[in-house]
């Protein structure tokens, strides 16, 4: 029984230390996020002061649907928040569709595909991967440098938010483990009985005589 309680108490101590480290990391990331957002606001203000207002775009209403350039994948088991761009999702969908076509085609389709690849091998040129350009451009197509820096800071802020969410999820998991272990330790200590008949030591008796408010009430 004592060994079990000692092992659980040691585990509680380790979890408490890990919780403190995670909270310290969380607050440091929060300070960093505030600095990034402050830089982003400053760059947006600089872009507005540099460009001003274009009269040609006052009555223009952009009715295009804005598509996300970045998505967040959440792992419920580990609490991991992972940021990835829509370009990677499109490439993965294309690869999945290609694998489905290969499975359906069979041997004839594979042989025909190999022949076509050998035939067009010299004609095909490697295509460079282009990053997804955002559709929302409030400062026009020719953005000033400060607007580009603000966009980069916004991307960095989203990444920091994902890191903060991951740390926060980790803290919640640690708190759940601590609560569970505390309940187990208290349950294990339920069999321990305190001897109420034990008399206080001489030093305690002396202290009780000297200090008035520590004296035991009369029975």
Protein backbone atom coordinates (compact mmCIF):
# COMPACT_ATOMS: atom_id res chain seq x y z
CA UNK A 1 0.00 0.00 0.00
CA UNK A 2 2.79 2.44 0.91
CA UNK A 3 4.64 1.75 -2.36
CA UNK A 4 1.52 2.47 -4.40
CA UNK A 5 0.90 5.74 -2.57
CA UNK A 6 4.54 6.78 -2.98
CA UNK A 7 4.50 6.05 -6.73
CA UNK A 8 1.26 7.99 -7.21
CA UNK A 9 2.57 10.89 -5.13
CA UNK A 10 5.74 10.97 -7.22
CA UNK A 11 3.64 10.99 -10.38
CA UNK A 12 1.59 13.87 -9.00
CA UNK A 13 4.79 15.83 -8.34
CA UNK A 14 6.00 15.23 -11.91
CA UNK A 15 2.65 16.31 -13.33
CA UNK A 16 2.67 19.46 -11.20
CA UNK A 17 6.15 20.39 -12.46
CA UNK A 18 5.08 19.74 -16.05
CA UNK A 19 1.97 21.85 -15.53
CA UNK A 20 4.02 24.79 -14.24
CA UNK A 21 6.41 24.56 -17.21
CA UNK A 22 3.50 24.42 -19.66
CA UNK A 23 1.86 27.46 -18.08
CA UNK A 24 5.15 29.37 -18.23
CA UNK A 25 5.48 28.45 -21.90
CA UNK A 26 1.88 29.55 -22.46
CA UNK A 27 2.43 33.00 -20.95
CA UNK A 28 5.64 33.49 -22.95
CA UNK A 29 3.78 32.61 -26.16
CA UNK A 30 1.02 35.05 -25.21
CA UNK A 31 3.54 37.87 -24.81
CA UNK A 32 5.04 36.96 -28.17
CA UNK A 33 1.58 36.94 -29.78
CA UNK A 34 0.83 40.41 -28.41
CA UNK A 35 4.07 41.71 -29.91
CA UNK A 36 3.27 40.14 -33.30
CA UNK A 37 -0.26 41.60 -33.35
CA UNK A 38 1.10 45.02 -32.39
CA UNK A 39 3.55 44.90 -35.31
CA UNK A 40 0.71 43.83 -37.61
CA UNK A 41 -1.45 46.80 -36.56
CA UNK A 42 1.44 49.22 -37.05
CA UNK A 43 2.11 47.91 -40.57
CA UNK A 44 -1.59 48.14 -41.50
CA UNK A 45 -1.68 51.75 -40.30
CA UNK A 46 1.43 52.53 -42.34
CA UNK A 47 -0.13 50.96 -45.44
CA UNK A 48 -3.30 53.02 -44.97
CA UNK A 49 -1.32 56.23 -44.58
CA UNK A 50 0.83 55.46 -47.63
CA UNK A 51 -1.96 54.46 -50.03
CA UNK A 52 -4.83 56.55 -48.73
CA UNK A 53 -8.26 56.03 -50.32
CA UNK A 54 -8.65 55.30 -54.04
CA UNK A 55 -11.77 57.05 -55.40
CA UNK A 56 -12.10 54.49 -58.19
CA UNK A 57 -12.79 51.71 -55.69
CA UNK A 58 -15.37 53.55 -53.57
CA UNK A 59 -18.41 52.15 -55.38
CA UNK A 60 -16.84 48.77 -56.15
CA UNK A 61 -18.33 45.82 -54.30
CA UNK A 62 -16.38 42.58 -54.43
CA UNK A 63 -18.94 39.77 -54.58
CA UNK A 64 -16.43 36.95 -54.84
CA UNK A 65 -16.47 34.32 -52.13
CA UNK A 66 -13.35 34.41 -49.99
CA UNK A 67 -11.74 31.00 -49.66
CA UNK A 68 -9.48 30.11 -46.72
CA UNK A 69 -5.76 30.04 -47.43
CA UNK A 70 -4.97 28.12 -44.24
CA UNK A 71 -6.79 25.43 -42.28
CA UNK A 72 -6.34 24.02 -38.79
CA UNK A 73 -6.34 20.29 -38.11
CA UNK A 74 -7.18 19.23 -34.55
CA UNK A 75 -6.21 15.89 -33.03
CA UNK A 76 -8.70 15.16 -30.24
CA UNK A 77 -6.56 12.44 -28.66
CA UNK A 78 -3.33 14.42 -28.29
CA UNK A 79 -4.84 17.94 -28.38
CA UNK A 80 -2.53 18.99 -31.22
CA UNK A 81 -3.55 22.00 -33.33
CA UNK A 82 -1.73 21.84 -36.67
CA UNK A 83 -1.80 24.61 -39.28
CA UNK A 84 -1.52 23.77 -42.97
CA UNK A 85 -2.26 25.66 -46.16
CA UNK A 86 -4.99 24.79 -48.63
CA UNK A 87 -2.34 24.05 -51.27
CA UNK A 88 -1.30 20.88 -49.42
CA UNK A 89 -4.91 19.71 -49.18
CA UNK A 90 -5.43 20.18 -52.90
CA UNK A 91 -2.27 18.20 -53.65
CA UNK A 92 -3.34 15.38 -51.32
CA UNK A 93 -6.75 15.23 -53.01
CA UNK A 94 -5.10 15.02 -56.43
CA UNK A 95 -2.83 12.19 -55.24
CA UNK A 96 -5.80 10.30 -53.81
CA UNK A 97 -7.71 10.65 -57.06
CA UNK A 98 -4.68 9.37 -58.99
CA UNK A 99 -4.37 6.33 -56.74
CA UNK A 100 -8.09 5.60 -57.20
CA UNK A 101 -7.69 5.75 -60.98
CA UNK A 102 -4.73 3.37 -60.80
CA UNK A 103 -6.70 0.87 -58.74
CA UNK A 104 -9.66 0.96 -61.10
CA UNK A 105 -7.65 0.77 -64.32
CA UNK A 106 -5.98 -2.60 -63.82
CA UNK A 107 -3.04 -3.96 -65.82
CA UNK A 108 -4.14 -2.53 -69.19
CA UNK A 109 -4.51 0.94 -67.81
CA UNK A 110 -1.11 0.71 -66.11
CA UNK A 111 0.57 -0.47 -69.31
CA UNK A 112 -1.06 2.32 -71.31
CA UNK A 113 -0.07 4.84 -68.67
CA UNK A 114 3.58 3.70 -68.70
CA UNK A 115 3.65 4.00 -72.48
CA UNK A 116 2.20 7.50 -72.36
CA UNK A 117 4.69 8.54 -69.69
CA UNK A 118 7.62 7.26 -71.78
CA UNK A 119 6.29 9.06 -74.83
CA UNK A 120 5.71 12.39 -73.15
CA UNK A 121 8.70 12.24 -70.82
CA UNK A 122 10.81 14.63 -72.87
CA UNK A 123 7.92 16.98 -73.58
CA UNK A 124 6.82 17.46 -70.00
CA UNK A 125 8.47 20.25 -68.04
CA UNK A 126 8.65 20.32 -64.23
CA UNK A 127 6.06 22.68 -62.80
CA UNK A 128 7.03 24.87 -59.91
CA UNK A 129 4.78 24.94 -56.87
CA UNK A 130 3.20 28.33 -56.47
CA UNK A 131 1.91 29.51 -53.12
CA UNK A 132 -1.77 30.27 -52.81
CA UNK A 133 -2.33 33.99 -53.19
CA UNK A 134 -4.95 35.52 -50.92
CA UNK A 135 -8.01 36.99 -52.62
CA UNK A 136 -8.58 39.71 -50.04
CA UNK A 137 -6.39 42.66 -51.03
CA UNK A 138 -7.75 45.88 -49.53
CA UNK A 139 -4.72 47.88 -50.69
CA UNK A 140 -4.90 46.81 -54.34
CA UNK A 141 -2.87 44.35 -56.38
CA UNK A 142 0.34 46.34 -56.00
CA UNK A 143 0.54 46.23 -52.22
CA UNK A 144 3.05 48.39 -50.38
CA UNK A 145 5.80 46.76 -48.41
CA UNK A 146 4.11 47.48 -45.09
CA UNK A 147 0.96 45.63 -46.22
CA UNK A 148 3.02 42.57 -47.15
CA UNK A 149 4.73 42.70 -43.76
CA UNK A 150 1.34 42.96 -42.05
CA UNK A 151 0.12 39.90 -43.96
CA UNK A 152 3.24 37.97 -42.93
CA UNK A 153 2.73 39.00 -39.30
CA UNK A 154 -0.89 37.85 -39.48
CA UNK A 155 0.23 34.42 -40.72
CA UNK A 156 2.75 34.26 -37.89
CA UNK A 157 0.02 35.19 -35.39
CA UNK A 158 -2.18 32.33 -36.63
CA UNK A 159 0.72 29.93 -36.12
CA UNK A 160 1.23 31.22 -32.57
CA UNK A 161 -2.49 30.79 -31.87
CA UNK A 162 -2.23 27.13 -32.88
CA UNK A 163 0.76 26.69 -30.57
CA UNK A 164 -1.13 28.35 -27.72
CA UNK A 165 -4.14 26.11 -28.28
CA UNK A 166 -1.89 23.04 -28.22
CA UNK A 167 -0.28 24.13 -24.94
CA UNK A 168 -3.67 24.92 -23.41
CA UNK A 169 -5.00 21.52 -24.41
CA UNK A 170 -1.92 19.94 -22.83
CA UNK A 171 -2.57 21.84 -19.59
CA UNK A 172 -6.17 20.60 -19.53
CA UNK A 173 -5.00 17.00 -20.00
CA UNK A 174 -2.50 17.41 -17.15
CA UNK A 175 -5.21 18.83 -14.89
CA UNK A 176 -7.43 15.85 -15.63
CA UNK A 177 -4.58 13.47 -14.77
CA UNK A 178 -3.87 15.33 -11.52
CA UNK A 179 -7.54 15.22 -10.51
CA UNK A 180 -7.74 11.50 -11.23
CA UNK A 181 -4.55 10.70 -9.31
CA UNK A 182 -5.66 12.83 -6.36
CA UNK A 183 -8.88 10.86 -6.15
CA UNK A 184 -6.94 7.59 -6.27
CA UNK A 185 -4.54 8.71 -3.53
CA UNK A 186 -7.40 9.83 -1.28
CA UNK A 187 -9.14 6.53 -1.88
CA UNK A 188 -5.95 4.65 -0.97
CA UNK A 189 -5.61 6.69 2.21
CA UNK A 190 -9.15 5.83 3.27
CA UNK A 191 -7.95 2.83 5.25
CA UNK A 192 -5.49 4.87 7.29
CA UNK A 193 -6.93 5.70 10.70
CA UNK A 194 -5.77 8.48 12.93
CA UNK A 195 -5.29 7.53 16.56
CA UNK A 196 -7.41 10.04 18.42
CA UNK A 197 -6.27 8.78 21.82
CA UNK A 198 -2.66 9.78 21.26
CA UNK A 199 -1.48 12.51 23.62
CA UNK A 200 0.50 15.54 22.41
CA UNK A 201 4.21 15.71 23.09
CA UNK A 202 5.80 17.80 25.85
CA UNK A 203 6.83 20.56 23.45
CA UNK A 204 3.28 20.82 22.16
CA UNK A 205 1.91 20.96 25.71
CA UNK A 206 4.35 23.75 26.57
CA UNK A 207 3.33 25.72 23.49
CA UNK A 208 -0.33 25.30 24.35
CA UNK A 209 0.27 26.74 27.81
CA UNK A 210 2.17 29.77 26.49
CA UNK A 211 -0.19 30.69 23.67
CA UNK A 212 -3.72 31.46 24.76
CA UNK A 213 -5.56 30.98 21.44
CA UNK A 214 -3.95 27.57 20.87
CA UNK A 215 -5.37 26.08 24.03
CA UNK A 216 -7.73 23.18 23.58
CA UNK A 217 -11.35 23.82 24.53
CA UNK A 218 -12.52 22.24 27.74
CA UNK A 219 -14.48 19.03 27.30
